[in-house]
């Protein structure tokens, strides 16, 4: 079941209505059953994979809490191996087998690893990482082991964020399932507004931009450099609105019922550096890698060469997390290189800024930094979006020529696309720089506030793309 479907709208209304109708002690069961139904609407059999990891991690948490010394570490390792093992089989096995086969062919040998004809379960990386955070936090003593099997299962399977996050920590989410949430009109309205903006991002902006992006990227050899540049810029906004739109809907749906999920995006394209970008983009994943991998490797509390290695390695693994393909690995490596390069050249860049006088022109300096950061991000997005490594290299070569003409199927395609981007930037610029100024969706005037709601709904109905397109991050 996908958020951008009538099926979900009906599901949400029914589940939420039942949630507030039931006594508090029965609500967890409703949410668990509803979450199972939600996930099984994709591929029913894959509920067994979730069940396997839930059982493993539930008992692992209790064993870790009751054990001491090396046994604690052993139980944690067994839990991590089970979770990573599921990822390895369903997400990485064929990638490993294919590359191992190529390697052996160079020596005239055949690979013993078979190719598996299996589908990647929806959102596997997300709920696996959420489950892993639970056992790690229990091991570190930051979270008590959950004894209620149903509550723990709901922590992993909570339907709003089950498929594409945010990746929640047990300290934030587990206790909320025991708290009684009453129907509060203002909170419900806030949640619905968050969902409405998420639907606008997905249907009006992301899916509208995808029409151009898919046409160009899926036929890269037939398009000019300028068309590919424009498609890459469009993709930057497409993937942002697609993923952050999902997060808005998830956070809003949870908020309606009284649950608070973490913020996952914070206007990343207003970042002044790649480091800042990764503090604003997919925050739940960035902090996951920071807390459980980067700091474990030593973070920045090591020698400078090791520090640089830690940064680069974490982003390399982040790229691999996104997909079993060399394009994702290179995308992650590029972002790691950006961060290391920025650290290495910090002194030189400070001197250039001083010599050119940019430090005395803060507004100009800020926008130069934002534009450069956006350009670097877009260059990396080429590898993320390209269908293959060969396609990515072809696209970059063509973009370097800067030749036209720009392709468009009809005038309305580009008009709607630029209009959608303008709408997004106008809203986010207001949030970024004019927080205390005039507000529309939260305006105190009832007429203005409801007129904006109506306008957004009309935009969805008139301009939204209703082709049942899945969210991009479902594949991860």
Protein backbone atom coordinates (compact mmCIF):
# COMPACT_ATOMS: atom_id res chain seq x y z
CA UNK A 1 0.00 0.00 0.00
CA UNK A 2 1.41 3.38 -0.94
CA UNK A 3 0.58 6.74 0.63
CA UNK A 4 -0.39 8.29 -2.72
CA UNK A 5 -3.40 6.03 -3.24
CA UNK A 6 -7.11 6.06 -2.45
CA UNK A 7 -6.57 2.74 -0.67
CA UNK A 8 -4.30 4.45 1.85
CA UNK A 9 -6.68 7.37 2.41
CA UNK A 10 -9.46 4.90 3.29
CA UNK A 11 -7.03 2.85 5.41
CA UNK A 12 -5.88 5.95 7.31
CA UNK A 13 -9.41 7.16 8.03
CA UNK A 14 -10.58 3.73 9.22
CA UNK A 15 -7.51 3.01 11.39
CA UNK A 16 -7.46 6.47 12.95
CA UNK A 17 -11.19 6.38 13.70
CA UNK A 18 -10.87 2.95 15.32
CA UNK A 19 -7.77 4.08 17.22
CA UNK A 20 -9.66 6.85 19.04
CA UNK A 21 -12.72 4.65 19.52
CA UNK A 22 -10.90 1.81 21.29
CA UNK A 23 -9.79 1.78 24.93
CA UNK A 24 -6.12 2.61 25.44
CA UNK A 25 -5.05 -0.97 26.27
CA UNK A 26 -6.35 -2.28 22.92
CA UNK A 27 -4.83 0.34 20.66
CA UNK A 28 -1.41 -1.28 20.31
CA UNK A 29 -3.08 -4.41 18.93
CA UNK A 30 -5.06 -2.39 16.39
CA UNK A 31 -1.90 -0.62 15.23
CA UNK A 32 0.04 -3.88 14.99
CA UNK A 33 -2.68 -5.62 12.94
CA UNK A 34 -3.06 -2.52 10.77
CA UNK A 35 0.71 -2.32 10.22
CA UNK A 36 0.81 -6.00 9.20
CA UNK A 37 -2.00 -5.39 6.71
CA UNK A 38 -0.26 -2.27 5.41
CA UNK A 39 2.98 -4.15 4.76
CA UNK A 40 1.33 -7.28 3.37
CA UNK A 41 -0.44 -5.13 0.77
CA UNK A 42 2.91 -5.14 -1.10
CA UNK A 43 4.11 -8.78 -1.06
CA UNK A 44 2.32 -10.78 1.69
CA UNK A 45 4.97 -13.50 2.06
CA UNK A 46 7.63 -10.96 3.05
CA UNK A 47 5.90 -10.44 6.38
CA UNK A 48 7.77 -13.61 7.40
CA UNK A 49 11.12 -11.82 6.95
CA UNK A 50 9.97 -9.07 9.28
CA UNK A 51 8.71 -11.70 11.70
CA UNK A 52 12.09 -13.46 11.67
CA UNK A 53 14.07 -10.32 12.55
CA UNK A 54 11.49 -9.28 15.15
CA UNK A 55 11.72 -12.62 17.00
CA UNK A 56 15.54 -12.62 16.85
CA UNK A 57 15.92 -9.06 18.14
CA UNK A 58 13.19 -9.35 20.78
CA UNK A 59 14.95 -12.25 22.50
CA UNK A 60 18.39 -10.76 21.81
CA UNK A 61 17.40 -7.60 23.70
CA UNK A 62 16.35 -9.59 26.77
CA UNK A 63 19.46 -11.80 26.65
CA UNK A 64 21.74 -8.78 26.28
CA UNK A 65 20.14 -7.03 29.25
CA UNK A 66 20.42 -10.10 31.47
CA UNK A 67 23.98 -11.01 30.45
CA UNK A 68 27.32 -9.56 31.46
CA UNK A 69 30.79 -9.28 29.97
CA UNK A 70 31.52 -11.16 26.77
CA UNK A 71 28.09 -12.77 26.68
CA UNK A 72 26.48 -9.36 26.16
CA UNK A 73 28.69 -8.73 23.17
CA UNK A 74 28.06 -12.23 21.82
CA UNK A 75 24.28 -11.78 21.92
CA UNK A 76 24.60 -8.38 20.24
CA UNK A 77 26.82 -9.84 17.50
CA UNK A 78 24.36 -12.67 16.87
CA UNK A 79 21.55 -10.15 16.52
CA UNK A 80 23.57 -7.95 14.15
CA UNK A 81 24.67 -10.94 12.07
CA UNK A 82 21.05 -12.07 11.71
CA UNK A 83 19.90 -8.61 10.60
CA UNK A 84 22.83 -7.94 8.28
CA UNK A 85 22.51 -11.50 6.99
CA UNK A 86 18.94 -10.84 5.84
CA UNK A 87 20.16 -7.69 4.07
CA UNK A 88 23.06 -9.58 2.51
CA UNK A 89 20.83 -12.30 1.07
CA UNK A 90 17.95 -10.21 -0.24
CA UNK A 91 19.74 -6.99 -1.16
CA UNK A 92 23.40 -7.78 -1.86
CA UNK A 93 23.69 -11.46 -2.76
CA UNK A 94 23.22 -11.05 -6.51
CA UNK A 95 25.49 -7.98 -6.55
CA UNK A 96 28.22 -9.96 -4.76
CA UNK A 97 27.68 -13.02 -6.96
CA UNK A 98 27.81 -10.97 -10.17
CA UNK A 99 31.01 -9.13 -9.26
CA UNK A 100 32.65 -12.29 -7.91
CA UNK A 101 31.83 -13.99 -11.21
CA UNK A 102 33.49 -11.18 -13.19
CA UNK A 103 36.55 -11.43 -10.97
CA UNK A 104 36.89 -15.19 -11.43
CA UNK A 105 36.39 -14.94 -15.19
CA UNK A 106 39.60 -12.92 -15.31
CA UNK A 107 41.37 -16.05 -14.09
CA UNK A 108 39.41 -18.36 -16.36
CA UNK A 109 37.29 -19.76 -13.52
CA UNK A 110 33.56 -20.19 -13.03
CA UNK A 111 31.79 -18.74 -10.01
CA UNK A 112 30.25 -21.21 -7.52
CA UNK A 113 27.76 -18.57 -6.33
CA UNK A 114 24.28 -18.94 -7.84
CA UNK A 115 22.09 -16.03 -8.94
CA UNK A 116 18.92 -15.82 -6.81
CA UNK A 117 15.59 -14.94 -8.42
CA UNK A 118 14.15 -13.03 -5.47
CA UNK A 119 12.53 -9.63 -5.06
CA UNK A 120 13.91 -7.08 -2.62
CA UNK A 121 11.40 -6.67 0.24
CA UNK A 122 9.99 -3.13 0.40
CA UNK A 123 11.87 -0.89 2.84
CA UNK A 124 14.14 -3.71 4.05
CA UNK A 125 17.06 -1.43 4.93
CA UNK A 126 14.85 0.91 6.96
CA UNK A 127 13.23 -1.57 9.32
CA UNK A 128 16.49 -3.55 9.59
CA UNK A 129 18.37 -0.45 10.75
CA UNK A 130 15.59 0.42 13.19
CA UNK A 131 15.74 -3.09 14.65
CA UNK A 132 19.54 -2.90 14.91
CA UNK A 133 19.36 0.42 16.75
CA UNK A 134 17.22 -1.29 19.42
CA UNK A 135 19.70 -4.05 20.27
CA UNK A 136 22.64 -1.62 20.13
CA UNK A 137 20.92 0.78 22.54
CA UNK A 138 20.06 -2.08 24.92
CA UNK A 139 23.70 -3.21 24.78
CA UNK A 140 24.91 0.32 25.54
CA UNK A 141 22.53 0.56 28.49
CA UNK A 142 20.53 3.43 26.99
CA UNK A 143 17.33 1.40 26.62
CA UNK A 144 15.62 -1.23 28.75
CA UNK A 145 14.80 -4.45 26.93
CA UNK A 146 11.14 -4.51 25.88
CA UNK A 147 9.32 -7.48 27.48
CA UNK A 148 6.02 -6.97 25.67
CA UNK A 149 6.42 -8.83 22.38
CA UNK A 150 3.51 -6.99 20.76
CA UNK A 151 4.85 -3.56 21.70
CA UNK A 152 8.31 -4.43 20.40
CA UNK A 153 6.81 -5.76 17.15
CA UNK A 154 4.91 -2.49 16.76
CA UNK A 155 8.15 -0.54 17.25
CA UNK A 156 9.61 -2.26 14.18
CA UNK A 157 6.37 -2.30 12.16
CA UNK A 158 4.62 1.00 13.00
CA UNK A 159 2.94 1.62 9.65
CA UNK A 160 3.55 5.39 9.15
CA UNK A 161 7.34 4.96 9.07
CA UNK A 162 7.61 1.23 8.32
CA UNK A 163 8.63 1.45 4.67
CA UNK A 164 10.83 4.56 4.37
CA UNK A 165 11.45 5.97 7.82
CA UNK A 166 12.24 8.09 9.68
CA UNK A 167 14.50 5.47 11.28
CA UNK A 168 13.47 5.88 14.90
CA UNK A 169 15.44 5.13 18.05
CA UNK A 170 13.77 3.01 20.75
CA UNK A 171 14.17 5.82 23.31
CA UNK A 172 11.95 8.06 21.22
CA UNK A 173 9.26 5.67 20.02
CA UNK A 174 8.83 2.64 22.31
CA UNK A 175 7.48 4.52 25.33
CA UNK A 176 4.94 6.33 23.16
CA UNK A 177 3.04 3.09 22.53
CA UNK A 178 2.30 2.89 26.27
CA UNK A 179 1.13 6.48 26.56
CA UNK A 180 -2.55 7.29 26.18
CA UNK A 181 -3.21 9.76 23.39
CA UNK A 182 -6.48 11.65 23.50
CA UNK A 183 -8.16 13.25 20.51
CA UNK A 184 -6.89 16.84 20.44
CA UNK A 185 -8.35 18.99 17.69
CA UNK A 186 -5.33 21.29 17.27
CA UNK A 187 -2.86 18.39 17.11
CA UNK A 188 -5.03 16.50 14.62
CA UNK A 189 -5.25 19.57 12.39
CA UNK A 190 -1.47 20.04 12.58
CA UNK A 191 -0.97 16.42 11.56
CA UNK A 192 -3.39 16.72 8.65
CA UNK A 193 -1.64 19.88 7.44
CA UNK A 194 1.69 18.06 7.53
CA UNK A 195 0.16 15.24 5.50
CA UNK A 196 -1.37 17.70 3.01
CA UNK A 197 2.00 19.34 2.38
CA UNK A 198 3.53 15.89 1.97
CA UNK A 199 0.95 15.00 -0.68
CA UNK A 200 1.68 18.28 -2.50
CA UNK A 201 5.40 17.48 -2.48
CA UNK A 202 4.84 13.98 -3.82
CA UNK A 203 1.99 14.40 -6.32
CA UNK A 204 2.40 18.00 -7.51
CA UNK A 205 6.18 18.41 -7.38
CA UNK A 206 8.06 15.08 -7.31
CA UNK A 207 5.84 13.07 -9.64
CA UNK A 208 5.42 16.03 -11.99
CA UNK A 209 9.20 16.45 -12.25
CA UNK A 210 9.64 12.69 -12.70
CA UNK A 211 7.89 12.86 -16.08
CA UNK A 212 10.75 14.92 -17.50
CA UNK A 213 13.52 13.22 -15.53
CA UNK A 214 12.48 9.70 -16.54
CA UNK A 215 12.08 10.65 -20.20
CA UNK A 216 15.57 12.12 -20.36
CA UNK A 217 17.54 9.77 -18.08
CA UNK A 218 16.02 6.62 -19.56
CA UNK A 219 17.11 7.76 -23.02
CA UNK A 220 20.30 9.61 -22.19
CA UNK A 221 22.00 8.83 -25.50
CA UNK A 222 19.24 10.68 -27.39
CA UNK A 223 19.35 13.90 -25.36
CA UNK A 224 21.56 16.97 -25.34
CA UNK A 225 23.85 18.19 -22.60
CA UNK A 226 21.48 21.01 -21.65
CA UNK A 227 18.53 18.62 -21.41
CA UNK A 228 20.57 16.35 -19.13
CA UNK A 229 21.62 19.30 -16.96
CA UNK A 230 17.99 20.37 -16.61
CA UNK A 231 16.88 16.78 -15.89
CA UNK A 232 19.57 16.51 -13.19
CA UNK A 233 18.41 19.72 -11.52
CA UNK A 234 14.83 18.47 -11.74
CA UNK A 235 15.88 15.16 -10.19
CA UNK A 236 17.49 16.97 -7.26
CA UNK A 237 14.09 18.46 -6.43
CA UNK A 238 12.22 15.29 -7.40
CA UNK A 239 14.08 13.03 -4.98
CA UNK A 240 13.90 15.64 -2.23
CA UNK A 241 10.14 16.14 -2.56
CA UNK A 242 9.55 12.42 -3.05
CA UNK A 243 11.42 11.40 0.10
CA UNK A 244 10.66 14.39 2.32
CA UNK A 245 7.05 14.18 1.13
CA UNK A 246 6.91 10.60 2.43
CA UNK A 247 8.38 11.80 5.74
CA UNK A 248 5.80 14.60 5.98
CA UNK A 249 2.94 12.14 5.44
CA UNK A 250 4.44 9.66 7.92
CA UNK A 251 5.07 12.31 10.59
CA UNK A 252 1.64 13.83 10.02
CA UNK A 253 -0.22 10.50 10.16
CA UNK A 254 1.57 9.62 13.40
CA UNK A 255 0.92 13.08 14.86
CA UNK A 256 -2.84 12.76 14.23
CA UNK A 257 -2.83 9.75 16.60
CA UNK A 258 -0.56 11.50 19.12
CA UNK A 259 2.83 10.03 18.19
CA UNK A 260 5.89 12.21 17.63
CA UNK A 261 8.37 11.06 14.99
CA UNK A 262 11.72 12.76 14.45
CA UNK A 263 12.26 15.41 11.80
CA UNK A 264 13.92 13.80 8.79
CA UNK A 265 14.58 16.81 6.52
CA UNK A 266 15.39 20.43 7.24
CA UNK A 267 15.47 22.36 3.95
CA UNK A 268 18.75 20.78 2.76
CA UNK A 269 19.11 22.81 -0.45
CA UNK A 270 19.72 25.93 1.62
CA UNK A 271 22.91 24.34 2.99
CA UNK A 272 26.18 26.26 2.65
CA UNK A 273 28.41 23.16 2.63
CA UNK A 274 28.19 19.43 2.04
CA UNK A 275 28.71 18.87 5.77
CA UNK A 276 25.69 21.06 6.51
CA UNK A 277 23.72 19.32 3.75
CA UNK A 278 24.14 15.97 5.52
CA UNK A 279 22.94 17.50 8.77
CA UNK A 280 19.73 18.50 6.97
CA UNK A 281 19.16 15.55 4.58
CA UNK A 282 17.74 12.20 5.74
CA UNK A 283 18.64 13.13 9.31
CA UNK A 284 17.56 9.80 10.81
CA UNK A 285 20.00 7.89 8.58
CA UNK A 286 22.85 10.41 8.90
CA UNK A 287 22.64 10.31 12.70
CA UNK A 288 22.36 6.49 12.59
CA UNK A 289 25.64 6.20 10.74
CA UNK A 290 27.20 8.86 12.97
CA UNK A 291 26.21 7.19 16.24
CA UNK A 292 26.69 3.53 15.33
CA UNK A 293 29.50 3.51 12.75
CA UNK A 294 31.41 6.80 12.63
CA UNK A 295 31.81 7.15 16.41
CA UNK A 296 32.53 3.41 16.75
CA UNK A 297 35.41 3.86 14.28
CA UNK A 298 36.78 6.67 16.43
CA UNK A 299 35.07 9.64 14.81
CA UNK A 300 37.36 12.67 14.88
CA UNK A 301 39.07 11.54 18.11
CA UNK A 302 41.87 9.93 16.12
CA UNK A 303 44.78 11.00 13.94
CA UNK A 304 43.92 13.27 11.03
CA UNK A 305 44.50 10.61 8.32
CA UNK A 306 42.32 8.17 10.27
CA UNK A 307 39.66 10.85 10.72
CA UNK A 308 39.55 11.41 6.97
CA UNK A 309 39.33 7.66 6.42
CA UNK A 310 36.45 7.38 8.90
CA UNK A 311 34.46 10.06 7.08
CA UNK A 312 35.09 8.57 3.64
CA UNK A 313 34.37 5.01 4.76
CA UNK A 314 31.07 5.92 6.42
CA UNK A 315 29.83 7.58 3.24
CA UNK A 316 31.04 4.66 1.16
CA UNK A 317 28.92 2.34 3.33
CA UNK A 318 26.04 4.81 3.13
CA UNK A 319 26.19 4.55 -0.65
CA UNK A 320 26.12 0.77 -0.44
CA UNK A 321 23.16 0.97 1.97
CA UNK A 322 21.19 2.81 -0.70
CA UNK A 323 21.59 0.11 -3.30
CA UNK A 324 23.55 -2.90 -4.54
CA UNK A 325 25.02 -1.11 -7.54
CA UNK A 326 28.32 0.61 -8.32
CA UNK A 327 26.43 3.83 -9.07
CA UNK A 328 25.33 4.10 -5.43
CA UNK A 329 28.79 3.23 -4.15
CA UNK A 330 30.33 5.99 -6.29
CA UNK A 331 27.61 8.40 -5.13
CA UNK A 332 28.54 7.66 -1.51
CA UNK A 333 32.27 7.89 -2.27
CA UNK A 334 31.77 11.28 -3.95
CA UNK A 335 30.05 12.68 -0.88
CA UNK A 336 32.80 11.29 1.32
CA UNK A 337 35.39 12.89 -0.96
CA UNK A 338 33.56 16.23 -0.79
CA UNK A 339 33.74 16.22 3.01
CA UNK A 340 37.42 15.26 3.17
CA UNK A 341 38.36 17.74 0.43
CA UNK A 342 36.54 20.52 2.30
CA UNK A 343 38.56 19.79 5.45
CA UNK A 344 41.88 19.61 3.59
CA UNK A 345 41.29 22.89 1.73
CA UNK A 346 39.65 24.86 4.56
CA UNK A 347 42.71 27.06 5.17
CA UNK A 348 43.22 27.83 1.48
CA UNK A 349 39.54 28.66 0.98
CA UNK A 350 39.56 31.00 3.99
CA UNK A 351 42.51 32.89 2.48
CA UNK A 352 40.77 33.16 -0.90
CA UNK A 353 37.64 34.52 0.76
CA UNK A 354 39.72 37.07 2.65
CA UNK A 355 41.66 38.17 -0.44
CA UNK A 356 38.53 38.49 -2.59
CA UNK A 357 36.65 40.28 0.17
CA UNK A 358 33.81 37.75 0.28
CA UNK A 359 33.96 37.67 4.08
CA UNK A 360 32.92 41.34 4.04
CA UNK A 361 29.93 40.52 1.83
CA UNK A 362 28.08 37.92 3.94
CA UNK A 363 24.91 37.80 1.83
CA UNK A 364 26.80 37.26 -1.44
CA UNK A 365 29.13 34.78 0.28
CA UNK A 366 26.19 32.79 1.61
CA UNK A 367 24.52 32.46 -1.80
CA UNK A 368 27.77 31.51 -3.53
CA UNK A 369 28.20 28.74 -0.94
CA UNK A 370 24.59 27.57 -1.38
CA UNK A 371 24.91 27.47 -5.18
CA UNK A 372 28.25 25.61 -5.10
CA UNK A 373 26.88 23.10 -2.59
CA UNK A 374 23.81 22.55 -4.78
CA UNK A 375 25.99 22.05 -7.88
CA UNK A 376 28.19 19.49 -6.11
CA UNK A 377 25.11 17.68 -4.84
CA UNK A 378 23.57 17.61 -8.33
CA UNK A 379 26.77 16.17 -9.80
CA UNK A 380 26.62 13.34 -7.28
CA UNK A 381 22.90 12.82 -8.00
CA UNK A 382 23.85 11.85 -11.58
CA UNK A 383 25.31 8.58 -10.26
CA UNK A 384 22.35 8.06 -7.92
CA UNK A 385 19.78 8.40 -10.72
CA UNK A 386 21.60 6.87 -13.69
CA UNK A 387 20.46 3.39 -14.69
CA UNK A 388 24.05 2.15 -14.92
CA UNK A 389 27.63 3.30 -14.49
CA UNK A 390 28.01 3.56 -18.27
CA UNK A 391 24.94 5.79 -18.43
CA UNK A 392 26.28 8.00 -15.65
CA UNK A 393 29.59 8.53 -17.46
CA UNK A 394 27.78 9.23 -20.73
CA UNK A 395 25.54 11.79 -19.03
CA UNK A 396 28.51 13.56 -17.46
CA UNK A 397 30.37 13.71 -20.79
CA UNK A 398 27.30 15.16 -22.49
CA UNK A 399 26.67 17.66 -19.68
CA UNK A 400 30.25 18.89 -20.02
CA UNK A 401 29.54 19.95 -23.63
CA UNK A 402 26.72 22.24 -22.47
CA UNK A 403 25.06 21.83 -25.86
CA UNK A 404 21.35 22.21 -26.61
CA UNK A 405 18.59 22.33 -27.50
CA UNK A 406 16.55 21.64 -24.38
CA UNK A 407 14.02 18.88 -24.97
CA UNK A 408 10.41 19.17 -23.92
CA UNK A 409 7.41 17.23 -25.10
CA UNK A 410 5.03 20.15 -24.72
CA UNK A 411 5.11 23.62 -23.23
CA UNK A 412 3.03 22.72 -20.21
CA UNK A 413 5.57 20.09 -19.09
CA UNK A 414 8.27 22.67 -18.35
CA UNK A 415 5.79 25.29 -17.15
CA UNK A 416 4.37 22.94 -14.49
CA UNK A 417 7.87 21.74 -13.54
CA UNK A 418 9.30 25.22 -13.00
CA UNK A 419 6.12 26.28 -11.22
CA UNK A 420 6.37 23.31 -8.86
CA UNK A 421 10.00 24.13 -8.00
CA UNK A 422 9.10 27.81 -7.46
CA UNK A 423 6.31 26.79 -5.06
CA UNK A 424 8.71 24.63 -3.06
CA UNK A 425 11.47 27.25 -2.89
CA UNK A 426 9.02 30.01 -1.95
CA UNK A 427 7.64 27.97 0.95
CA UNK A 428 11.05 26.83 2.18
CA UNK A 429 12.71 30.25 1.77
CA UNK A 430 9.97 31.69 3.95
CA UNK A 431 10.56 28.96 6.56
CA UNK A 432 14.34 29.39 6.37
CA UNK A 433 14.66 33.17 6.48
CA UNK A 434 11.30 34.65 7.54
CA UNK A 435 10.15 32.37 10.34
CA UNK A 436 8.26 35.03 12.29
CA UNK A 437 6.68 36.75 9.33
CA UNK A 438 3.26 36.31 7.70
CA UNK A 439 2.05 32.71 7.60
CA UNK A 440 -0.52 31.16 5.28
CA UNK A 441 -1.25 27.59 6.44
CA UNK A 442 -1.07 28.74 10.08
CA UNK A 443 -2.68 32.14 9.56
CA UNK A 444 -4.94 33.29 12.37
CA UNK A 445 -7.50 34.44 9.83
CA UNK A 446 -9.89 31.54 9.25
CA UNK A 447 -10.67 32.61 5.68
CA UNK A 448 -7.01 32.87 4.59
CA UNK A 449 -6.06 29.63 6.31
CA UNK A 450 -8.84 27.58 4.75
CA UNK A 451 -8.39 29.23 1.35
CA UNK A 452 -4.79 27.94 1.37
CA UNK A 453 -5.95 24.43 2.27
CA UNK A 454 -8.46 24.53 -0.59
CA UNK A 455 -5.84 25.85 -3.01
CA UNK A 456 -3.40 23.05 -2.17
CA UNK A 457 -6.12 20.42 -2.59
CA UNK A 458 -7.07 21.94 -5.95
CA UNK A 459 -3.40 21.86 -7.00
CA UNK A 460 -3.25 18.16 -6.12
CA UNK A 461 -6.43 17.38 -8.06
CA UNK A 462 -5.59 19.48 -11.14
CA UNK A 463 -1.80 19.17 -11.46
CA UNK A 464 -0.98 16.10 -9.35
CA UNK A 465 0.21 12.97 -11.12
CA UNK A 466 -1.94 9.98 -10.18
CA UNK A 467 -0.12 7.13 -11.89
CA UNK A 468 0.43 5.05 -8.75
CA UNK A 469 4.16 5.75 -8.80
CA UNK A 470 5.96 4.36 -5.78
CA UNK A 471 8.22 6.46 -3.61
CA UNK A 472 11.86 6.33 -4.72
CA UNK A 473 13.16 5.16 -1.34
CA UNK A 474 10.87 2.12 -1.26
CA UNK A 475 13.59 0.28 -3.19
CA UNK A 476 16.01 0.72 -0.30
